[in-house]
Structure formats: C-alpha cells, structure tokens
C-alpha cells in the first residue's frame, strides 16, 4: 500500500498523461460526437504518449450512465445529457484511474440534482482525508451524506492504484447482509487500515438513478506528510 518514491513518480506520469486528455474530452464534447468516437480519441491520445490504457475506456451518457459499468463500454449513440467517462493510463507498469462527469445540453432538475449531490459528496470526501483515520470511516461519512439526500454509495468510495488498477487500501464498507464467514475474516483485516503517508488511491463518489442517469467523479490522490495531494484533475465539464 505504501509506494516508493520511484513508484510515485511513475504513477504521477500516468496521471499526467491522463490529464493531457481532459482538454481533448472537453473539445470533443462540444461536437456532435458518439460515445465510440470519444472513446477512440482518448485511446489514440494516450497511445501517442508511449502509454497504454489501464482498462477499456467507458463512455456512458443519458440513461446508460445510470449503470456503474455500462456495457458495451461505448456505443454509436450521440452523447447528450448527463454522463461520465471512466478511463486510465498505464505507464511503465503503473496506472491511473479517472472518471470525468459531464453535462451536454439541457437537462432536467432531477438530473441536475444528481450531479450537484455527487460533487458535494466529492468535496466532503477530499476535505475529510486525514492521516491516521480508518479508510472505512471516510466511506461512511460520504455514504451518510448521500443517504440524507435520498441516495447511497453502491460501490466503494475509492481504492488503491499502482501496478494493478484495484489495490489496497479499500475505501469502503461491506453490507452486513452479504458478509459470509470468509468475507467477515477479510473485513476484520481491512477495517484496520488507516490512511498513511505514501498511499495512492482514488476517490470516486457517485449517484445512479435507474431509468434517468448517473454521475461519477474520480481523481487519484497521494498522501504526503502535509495531507492529500491530487494527482489528476478531472472536474465537471458542461457544454
């Protein structure tokens, strides 16, 4: 979980290449573009910088964005409404993981609320990260906020990144209903993990409403002795 300085530099480079895709995404969203075409452009931009994709880029707009992992990962659908782009870079074996939320065109008040609540949850999360606190408590704080607003976290709030796209720390809390004997044993170990200097992880709150749409924002963070430092710079894109 604790990365060396060399590992941190490689992850920073992966995040830097990811960040270079953000202006391309914003420019592309201003066009009459399909999910597939946007996905293709992101892949080409990443490969042009001697890197590869961490995983298959997911582009989901409109009702498709109500799914955590929309399949297929992109379609011939013209992008409209709310949605998100989940992508990552692998550079010399180390990875980044980002999700860019967007609004394209006019949206309903219900859709606007989905986006606003997600962004507020993100602010609560990043402002609450502190060395020494249990990772699951951060999840609980954000989940409590979402529940007060009629939603809930349906996946973890975040996870470590490095050689694998999903590593420790696990920033989540399992449902008591699904805790088998084996999972209880694993959870006993996971709940003891606290935020520590040298950890690199994602923060990715989200809200999904079936039949309407969803929003997710995700960035990569490094914990330093002075607190969390954001490595990637995704934000809401509205065109």
C-alpha atoms as a PDB file:
ATOM      1  CA  UNK A   1       0.000   0.000   0.000  1.00  0.00           C
ATOM      2  CA  UNK A   2       2.878   2.376   0.701  1.00  0.00           C
ATOM      3  CA  UNK A   3       4.528   3.362  -2.564  1.00  0.00           C
ATOM      4  CA  UNK A   4       8.233   4.098  -3.009  1.00  0.00           C
ATOM      5  CA  UNK A   5       9.355   7.432  -4.467  1.00  0.00           C
ATOM      6  CA  UNK A   6      10.096   5.699  -7.789  1.00  0.00           C
ATOM      7  CA  UNK A   7       6.623   4.171  -7.895  1.00  0.00           C
ATOM      8  CA  UNK A   8       5.030   7.518  -7.027  1.00  0.00           C
ATOM      9  CA  UNK A   9       6.875   9.206  -9.905  1.00  0.00           C
ATOM     10  CA  UNK A  10       5.613   6.580 -12.363  1.00  0.00           C
ATOM     11  CA  UNK A  11       2.026   6.949 -11.122  1.00  0.00           C
ATOM     12  CA  UNK A  12       2.388  10.739 -11.379  1.00  0.00           C
ATOM     13  CA  UNK A  13       3.456  10.317 -15.013  1.00  0.00           C
ATOM     14  CA  UNK A  14       0.436   8.107 -15.705  1.00  0.00           C
ATOM     15  CA  UNK A  15      -1.792  10.782 -14.123  1.00  0.00           C
ATOM     16  CA  UNK A  16      -0.038  13.493 -16.149  1.00  0.00           C
ATOM     17  CA  UNK A  17      -0.814  11.661 -19.397  1.00  0.00           C
ATOM     18  CA  UNK A  18      -4.418  11.236 -18.213  1.00  0.00           C
ATOM     19  CA  UNK A  19      -4.630  14.967 -17.517  1.00  0.00           C
ATOM     20  CA  UNK A  20      -3.493  15.697 -21.081  1.00  0.00           C
ATOM     21  CA  UNK A  21      -6.701  14.020 -22.301  1.00  0.00           C
ATOM     22  CA  UNK A  22      -9.004  16.407 -20.434  1.00  0.00           C
ATOM     23  CA  UNK A  23      -8.832  19.327 -22.943  1.00  0.00           C
ATOM     24  CA  UNK A  24      -9.456  16.806 -25.753  1.00  0.00           C
ATOM     25  CA  UNK A  25     -12.529  15.484 -23.935  1.00  0.00           C
ATOM     26  CA  UNK A  26     -13.943  18.960 -23.387  1.00  0.00           C
ATOM     27  CA  UNK A  27     -13.341  19.962 -27.021  1.00  0.00           C
ATOM     28  CA  UNK A  28     -14.864  16.713 -28.305  1.00  0.00           C
ATOM     29  CA  UNK A  29     -17.995  17.080 -26.177  1.00  0.00           C
ATOM     30  CA  UNK A  30     -18.724  20.359 -27.963  1.00  0.00           C
ATOM     31  CA  UNK A  31     -19.120  18.365 -31.162  1.00  0.00           C
ATOM     32  CA  UNK A  32     -21.942  16.090 -32.271  1.00  0.00           C
ATOM     33  CA  UNK A  33     -19.893  13.077 -31.185  1.00  0.00           C
ATOM     34  CA  UNK A  34     -20.739   9.450 -30.428  1.00  0.00           C
ATOM     35  CA  UNK A  35     -19.634   7.548 -27.333  1.00  0.00           C
ATOM     36  CA  UNK A  36     -17.495   5.263 -29.510  1.00  0.00           C
ATOM     37  CA  UNK A  37     -15.714   8.122 -31.255  1.00  0.00           C
ATOM     38  CA  UNK A  38     -14.858   9.857 -27.984  1.00  0.00           C
ATOM     39  CA  UNK A  39     -13.521   6.584 -26.621  1.00  0.00           C
ATOM     40  CA  UNK A  40     -11.375   6.152 -29.749  1.00  0.00           C
ATOM     41  CA  UNK A  41      -9.913   9.660 -29.462  1.00  0.00           C
ATOM     42  CA  UNK A  42      -8.937   9.143 -25.819  1.00  0.00           C
ATOM     43  CA  UNK A  43      -7.176   5.879 -26.670  1.00  0.00           C
ATOM     44  CA  UNK A  44      -5.278   7.479 -29.547  1.00  0.00           C
ATOM     45  CA  UNK A  45      -4.160  10.396 -27.360  1.00  0.00           C
ATOM     46  CA  UNK A  46      -2.854   8.027 -24.679  1.00  0.00           C
ATOM     47  CA  UNK A  47      -1.020   5.765 -27.119  1.00  0.00           C
ATOM     48  CA  UNK A  48       0.639   8.792 -28.769  1.00  0.00           C
ATOM     49  CA  UNK A  49       2.466   9.367 -25.467  1.00  0.00           C
ATOM     50  CA  UNK A  50       4.051   5.904 -25.283  1.00  0.00           C
ATOM     51  CA  UNK A  51       1.472   4.640 -22.791  1.00  0.00           C
ATOM     52  CA  UNK A  52      -1.429   2.207 -22.900  1.00  0.00           C
ATOM     53  CA  UNK A  53      -4.930   2.033 -21.453  1.00  0.00           C
ATOM     54  CA  UNK A  54      -5.296   0.804 -17.864  1.00  0.00           C
ATOM     55  CA  UNK A  55      -8.641  -0.758 -18.859  1.00  0.00           C
ATOM     56  CA  UNK A  56     -11.319  -0.371 -21.518  1.00  0.00           C
ATOM     57  CA  UNK A  57     -12.497   3.239 -21.576  1.00  0.00           C
ATOM     58  CA  UNK A  58     -16.132   3.561 -20.520  1.00  0.00           C
ATOM     59  CA  UNK A  59     -18.247   6.325 -22.048  1.00  0.00           C
ATOM     60  CA  UNK A  60     -21.858   6.457 -20.836  1.00  0.00           C
ATOM     61  CA  UNK A  61     -24.408   9.200 -21.429  1.00  0.00           C
ATOM     62  CA  UNK A  62     -28.083   9.686 -20.714  1.00  0.00           C
ATOM     63  CA  UNK A  63     -29.864   6.661 -19.242  1.00  0.00           C
ATOM     64  CA  UNK A  64     -26.790   4.487 -19.836  1.00  0.00           C
ATOM     65  CA  UNK A  65     -24.944   6.490 -17.185  1.00  0.00           C
ATOM     66  CA  UNK A  66     -27.265   5.028 -14.534  1.00  0.00           C
ATOM     67  CA  UNK A  67     -25.146   1.862 -14.721  1.00  0.00           C
ATOM     68  CA  UNK A  68     -21.869   1.590 -12.792  1.00  0.00           C
ATOM     69  CA  UNK A  69     -20.141  -0.227 -15.655  1.00  0.00           C
ATOM     70  CA  UNK A  70     -22.251   0.311 -18.740  1.00  0.00           C
ATOM     71  CA  UNK A  71     -21.851  -2.464 -21.303  1.00  0.00           C
ATOM     72  CA  UNK A  72     -20.896  -2.274 -24.056  1.00  0.00           C
ATOM     73  CA  UNK A  73     -18.328   0.262 -22.901  1.00  0.00           C
ATOM     74  CA  UNK A  74     -19.336   2.717 -25.645  1.00  0.00           C
ATOM     75  CA  UNK A  75     -21.996   2.791 -28.362  1.00  0.00           C
ATOM     76  CA  UNK A  76     -22.880   4.640 -31.578  1.00  0.00           C
ATOM     77  CA  UNK A  77     -25.178   6.822 -29.501  1.00  0.00           C
ATOM     78  CA  UNK A  78     -24.693  10.599 -29.876  1.00  0.00           C
ATOM     79  CA  UNK A  79     -23.653  11.972 -26.466  1.00  0.00           C
ATOM     80  CA  UNK A  80     -26.368  14.047 -24.774  1.00  0.00           C
ATOM     81  CA  UNK A  81     -27.485  14.813 -21.217  1.00  0.00           C
ATOM     82  CA  UNK A  82     -25.550  13.772 -18.125  1.00  0.00           C
ATOM     83  CA  UNK A  83     -22.891  11.106 -18.118  1.00  0.00           C
ATOM     84  CA  UNK A  84     -19.305  10.193 -17.369  1.00  0.00           C
ATOM     85  CA  UNK A  85     -16.082   8.956 -18.980  1.00  0.00           C
ATOM     86  CA  UNK A  86     -14.065   6.409 -16.981  1.00  0.00           C
ATOM     87  CA  UNK A  87     -10.527   5.880 -18.286  1.00  0.00           C
ATOM     88  CA  UNK A  88      -6.976   5.291 -17.121  1.00  0.00           C
ATOM     89  CA  UNK A  89      -3.367   5.221 -18.273  1.00  0.00           C
ATOM     90  CA  UNK A  90      -0.731   2.535 -17.789  1.00  0.00           C
ATOM     91  CA  UNK A  91       2.802   3.942 -17.941  1.00  0.00           C
ATOM     92  CA  UNK A  92       5.744   1.554 -17.452  1.00  0.00           C
ATOM     93  CA  UNK A  93       3.525  -0.792 -15.469  1.00  0.00           C
ATOM     94  CA  UNK A  94       1.881   1.797 -13.181  1.00  0.00           C
ATOM     95  CA  UNK A  95      -1.641   3.098 -13.526  1.00  0.00           C
ATOM     96  CA  UNK A  96      -4.030   5.996 -13.151  1.00  0.00           C
ATOM     97  CA  UNK A  97      -7.830   5.849 -12.886  1.00  0.00           C
ATOM     98  CA  UNK A  98     -10.087   8.840 -13.612  1.00  0.00           C
ATOM     99  CA  UNK A  99     -13.764   9.497 -14.197  1.00  0.00           C
ATOM    100  CA  UNK A 100     -14.887  12.726 -15.856  1.00  0.00           C
ATOM    101  CA  UNK A 101     -18.523  13.774 -15.260  1.00  0.00           C
ATOM    102  CA  UNK A 102     -20.242  15.882 -17.911  1.00  0.00           C
ATOM    103  CA  UNK A 103     -23.435  17.681 -18.850  1.00  0.00           C
ATOM    104  CA  UNK A 104     -24.185  18.226 -22.521  1.00  0.00           C
ATOM    105  CA  UNK A 105     -27.154  20.361 -23.464  1.00  0.00           C
ATOM    106  CA  UNK A 106     -30.291  20.923 -21.424  1.00  0.00           C
ATOM    107  CA  UNK A 107     -31.038  18.592 -18.520  1.00  0.00           C
ATOM    108  CA  UNK A 108     -33.909  18.215 -16.062  1.00  0.00           C
ATOM    109  CA  UNK A 109     -33.925  19.424 -12.459  1.00  0.00           C
ATOM    110  CA  UNK A 110     -33.685  15.789 -11.280  1.00  0.00           C
ATOM    111  CA  UNK A 111     -30.592  15.242 -13.416  1.00  0.00           C
ATOM    112  CA  UNK A 112     -29.065  18.493 -12.162  1.00  0.00           C
ATOM    113  CA  UNK A 113     -29.588  17.334  -8.571  1.00  0.00           C
ATOM    114  CA  UNK A 114     -27.800  14.043  -9.285  1.00  0.00           C
ATOM    115  CA  UNK A 115     -24.756  15.997 -10.452  1.00  0.00           C
ATOM    116  CA  UNK A 116     -24.828  18.553  -7.635  1.00  0.00           C
ATOM    117  CA  UNK A 117     -25.132  15.928  -4.875  1.00  0.00           C
ATOM    118  CA  UNK A 118     -22.260  13.918  -6.388  1.00  0.00           C
ATOM    119  CA  UNK A 119     -19.987  16.965  -6.472  1.00  0.00           C
ATOM    120  CA  UNK A 120     -20.866  17.856  -2.877  1.00  0.00           C
ATOM    121  CA  UNK A 121     -20.080  14.287  -1.809  1.00  0.00           C
ATOM    122  CA  UNK A 122     -16.704  14.590  -3.548  1.00  0.00           C
ATOM    123  CA  UNK A 123     -15.881  17.826  -1.697  1.00  0.00           C
ATOM    124  CA  UNK A 124     -16.839  16.221   1.625  1.00  0.00           C
ATOM    125  CA  UNK A 125     -14.583  13.255   0.877  1.00  0.00           C
ATOM    126  CA  UNK A 126     -11.443  15.127  -0.144  1.00  0.00           C
ATOM    127  CA  UNK A 127     -11.782  17.611   2.714  1.00  0.00           C
ATOM    128  CA  UNK A 128     -12.055  14.754   5.239  1.00  0.00           C
ATOM    129  CA  UNK A 129      -8.964  12.739   4.279  1.00  0.00           C
ATOM    130  CA  UNK A 130      -6.519  12.733   7.178  1.00  0.00           C
ATOM    131  CA  UNK A 131      -3.529  10.575   8.062  1.00  0.00           C
ATOM    132  CA  UNK A 132      -4.473   8.090  10.753  1.00  0.00           C
ATOM    133  CA  UNK A 133      -8.234   7.848  10.221  1.00  0.00           C
ATOM    134  CA  UNK A 134      -9.645   4.446   9.190  1.00  0.00           C
ATOM    135  CA  UNK A 135     -10.365   4.328   5.468  1.00  0.00           C
ATOM    136  CA  UNK A 136     -13.852   2.901   6.019  1.00  0.00           C
ATOM    137  CA  UNK A 137     -14.831   5.919   8.115  1.00  0.00           C
ATOM    138  CA  UNK A 138     -14.371   8.184   5.092  1.00  0.00           C
ATOM    139  CA  UNK A 139     -16.734   5.965   3.121  1.00  0.00           C
ATOM    140  CA  UNK A 140     -19.242   6.049   5.983  1.00  0.00           C
ATOM    141  CA  UNK A 141     -19.179   9.849   6.143  1.00  0.00           C
ATOM    142  CA  UNK A 142     -19.886  10.224   2.435  1.00  0.00           C
ATOM    143  CA  UNK A 143     -22.499   7.458   2.443  1.00  0.00           C
ATOM    144  CA  UNK A 144     -24.313   9.150   5.350  1.00  0.00           C
ATOM    145  CA  UNK A 145     -24.405  12.415   3.398  1.00  0.00           C
ATOM    146  CA  UNK A 146     -25.831  10.677   0.323  1.00  0.00           C
ATOM    147  CA  UNK A 147     -28.450   8.811   2.368  1.00  0.00           C
ATOM    148  CA  UNK A 148     -29.652  12.087   3.898  1.00  0.00           C
ATOM    149  CA  UNK A 149     -30.286  13.227   0.328  1.00  0.00           C
ATOM    150  CA  UNK A 150     -32.095  10.094  -0.792  1.00  0.00           C
ATOM    151  CA  UNK A 151     -29.171   8.239  -2.371  1.00  0.00           C
ATOM    152  CA  UNK A 152     -26.361   5.911  -1.220  1.00  0.00           C
ATOM    153  CA  UNK A 153     -22.928   4.695  -2.228  1.00  0.00           C
ATOM    154  CA  UNK A 154     -23.454   1.495  -4.206  1.00  0.00           C
ATOM    155  CA  UNK A 155     -19.725   0.789  -4.581  1.00  0.00           C
ATOM    156  CA  UNK A 156     -16.588   1.691  -2.657  1.00  0.00           C
ATOM    157  CA  UNK A 157     -15.626   5.343  -2.317  1.00  0.00           C
ATOM    158  CA  UNK A 158     -12.174   4.522  -3.630  1.00  0.00           C
ATOM    159  CA  UNK A 159      -9.302   2.072  -3.918  1.00  0.00           C
ATOM    160  CA  UNK A 160      -5.534   1.984  -4.149  1.00  0.00           C
ATOM    161  CA  UNK A 161      -3.839   2.191  -7.559  1.00  0.00           C
ATOM    162  CA  UNK A 162      -0.371   1.084  -8.625  1.00  0.00           C
ATOM    163  CA  UNK A 163       0.680  -1.928 -10.653  1.00  0.00           C
ATOM    164  CA  UNK A 164      -2.961  -3.027 -10.523  1.00  0.00           C
ATOM    165  CA  UNK A 165      -5.974  -0.832 -11.147  1.00  0.00           C
ATOM    166  CA  UNK A 166      -7.560  -2.024  -7.880  1.00  0.00           C
ATOM    167  CA  UNK A 167      -5.230  -2.347  -4.897  1.00  0.00           C
ATOM    168  CA  UNK A 168      -5.359  -1.679  -1.180  1.00  0.00           C
ATOM    169  CA  UNK A 169      -6.398   0.465   0.588  1.00  0.00           C
ATOM    170  CA  UNK A 170     -10.076  -0.385   0.220  1.00  0.00           C
ATOM    171  CA  UNK A 171     -12.113   2.747   0.963  1.00  0.00           C
ATOM    172  CA  UNK A 172     -15.451   1.148   1.610  1.00  0.00           C
ATOM    173  CA  UNK A 173     -17.618  -0.811   3.977  1.00  0.00           C
ATOM    174  CA  UNK A 174     -19.350  -4.101   3.149  1.00  0.00           C
ATOM    175  CA  UNK A 175     -23.063  -4.640   3.551  1.00  0.00           C
ATOM    176  CA  UNK A 176     -23.840  -6.744   6.629  1.00  0.00           C
ATOM    177  CA  UNK A 177     -26.319  -8.741   4.539  1.00  0.00           C
ATOM    178  CA  UNK A 178     -23.534 -10.059   2.302  1.00  0.00           C
ATOM    179  CA  UNK A 179     -20.905 -10.808   4.949  1.00  0.00           C
ATOM    180  CA  UNK A 180     -20.113 -14.512   4.634  1.00  0.00           C
ATOM    181  CA  UNK A 181     -17.703 -16.139   7.081  1.00  0.00           C
ATOM    182  CA  UNK A 182     -14.844 -15.680   4.598  1.00  0.00           C
ATOM    183  CA  UNK A 183     -15.734 -12.041   3.954  1.00  0.00           C
ATOM    184  CA  UNK A 184     -16.010 -11.326   7.683  1.00  0.00           C
ATOM    185  CA  UNK A 185     -12.463 -12.568   8.136  1.00  0.00           C
ATOM    186  CA  UNK A 186     -11.225 -10.345   5.308  1.00  0.00           C
ATOM    187  CA  UNK A 187     -13.202  -7.351   6.553  1.00  0.00           C
ATOM    188  CA  UNK A 188     -11.652  -7.739  10.007  1.00  0.00           C
ATOM    189  CA  UNK A 189      -8.276  -7.017   8.392  1.00  0.00           C
ATOM    190  CA  UNK A 190      -9.486  -4.300   6.015  1.00  0.00           C
ATOM    191  CA  UNK A 191     -11.185  -2.220   8.725  1.00  0.00           C
ATOM    192  CA  UNK A 192      -7.831  -1.798  10.498  1.00  0.00           C
ATOM    193  CA  UNK A 193      -6.284   0.024   7.529  1.00  0.00           C
ATOM    194  CA  UNK A 194      -5.785   3.750   8.144  1.00  0.00           C
ATOM    195  CA  UNK A 195      -4.727   6.488   5.749  1.00  0.00           C
ATOM    196  CA  UNK A 196      -0.923   6.703   5.721  1.00  0.00           C
ATOM    197  CA  UNK A 197       1.758   8.770   4.025  1.00  0.00           C
ATOM    198  CA  UNK A 198       2.772   7.213   0.693  1.00  0.00           C
ATOM    199  CA  UNK A 199      -0.621   5.744  -0.179  1.00  0.00           C
ATOM    200  CA  UNK A 200      -2.000   6.418  -3.670  1.00  0.00           C
ATOM    201  CA  UNK A 201      -5.734   5.913  -4.168  1.00  0.00           C
ATOM    202  CA  UNK A 202      -8.877   7.077  -5.943  1.00  0.00           C
ATOM    203  CA  UNK A 203     -11.818   8.989  -4.550  1.00  0.00           C
ATOM    204  CA  UNK A 204     -14.946   8.341  -6.644  1.00  0.00           C
ATOM    205  CA  UNK A 205     -18.357   9.197  -5.190  1.00  0.00           C
ATOM    206  CA  UNK A 206     -21.317   8.600  -7.454  1.00  0.00           C
ATOM    207  CA  UNK A 207     -25.088   8.718  -7.730  1.00  0.00           C
ATOM    208  CA  UNK A 208     -27.050   6.457 -10.087  1.00  0.00           C
ATOM    209  CA  UNK A 209     -30.790   6.616 -10.729  1.00  0.00           C
ATOM    210  CA  UNK A 210     -32.222   3.790 -12.808  1.00  0.00           C
ATOM    211  CA  UNK A 211     -34.030   4.980 -15.917  1.00  0.00           C
ATOM    212  CA  UNK A 212     -32.700   8.517 -15.561  1.00  0.00           C
ATOM    213  CA  UNK A 213     -28.905   8.691 -15.404  1.00  0.00           C
ATOM    214  CA  UNK A 214     -25.901   8.901 -13.168  1.00  0.00           C
ATOM    215  CA  UNK A 215     -22.857  10.921 -12.254  1.00  0.00           C
ATOM    216  CA  UNK A 216     -19.408   9.903 -11.011  1.00  0.00           C
ATOM    217  CA  UNK A 217     -16.271  11.951 -10.441  1.00  0.00           C
ATOM    218  CA  UNK A 218     -12.933  10.277  -9.764  1.00  0.00           C
ATOM    219  CA  UNK A 219      -9.393  11.509  -9.184  1.00  0.00           C
ATOM    220  CA  UNK A 220      -6.149   9.974  -7.968  1.00  0.00           C
ATOM    221  CA  UNK A 221      -4.628  11.151  -4.678  1.00  0.00           C
ATOM    222  CA  UNK A 222      -1.275  10.767  -2.929  1.00  0.00           C
ATOM    223  CA  UNK A 223      -0.992  11.211   0.828  1.00  0.00           C
ATOM    224  CA  UNK A 224       2.025  13.296   1.822  1.00  0.00           C
ATOM    225  CA  UNK A 225       3.140  14.376   5.295  1.00  0.00           C
ATOM    226  CA  UNK A 226       1.132  17.559   4.655  1.00  0.00           C
ATOM    227  CA  UNK A 227      -2.032  15.693   3.717  1.00  0.00           C
ATOM    228  CA  UNK A 228      -3.622  14.557   0.438  1.00  0.00           C
ATOM    229  CA  UNK A 229      -2.306  15.804  -2.898  1.00  0.00           C
ATOM    230  CA  UNK A 230      -4.431  15.416  -6.015  1.00  0.00           C
ATOM    231  CA  UNK A 231      -2.546  13.916  -8.977  1.00  0.00           C
ATOM    232  CA  UNK A 232      -5.291  14.059 -11.600  1.00  0.00           C
ATOM    233  CA  UNK A 233      -7.559  16.965 -12.323  1.00  0.00           C
ATOM    234  CA  UNK A 234     -10.949  15.833 -13.550  1.00  0.00           C
ATOM    235  CA  UNK A 235     -13.879  18.153 -12.930  1.00  0.00           C
ATOM    236  CA  UNK A 236     -17.402  18.586 -14.238  1.00  0.00           C
ATOM    237  CA  UNK A 237     -17.455  19.522 -17.920  1.00  0.00           C
ATOM    238  CA  UNK A 238     -20.580  21.343 -19.015  1.00  0.00           C
ATOM    239  CA  UNK A 239     -21.130  22.229 -22.657  1.00  0.00           C
END
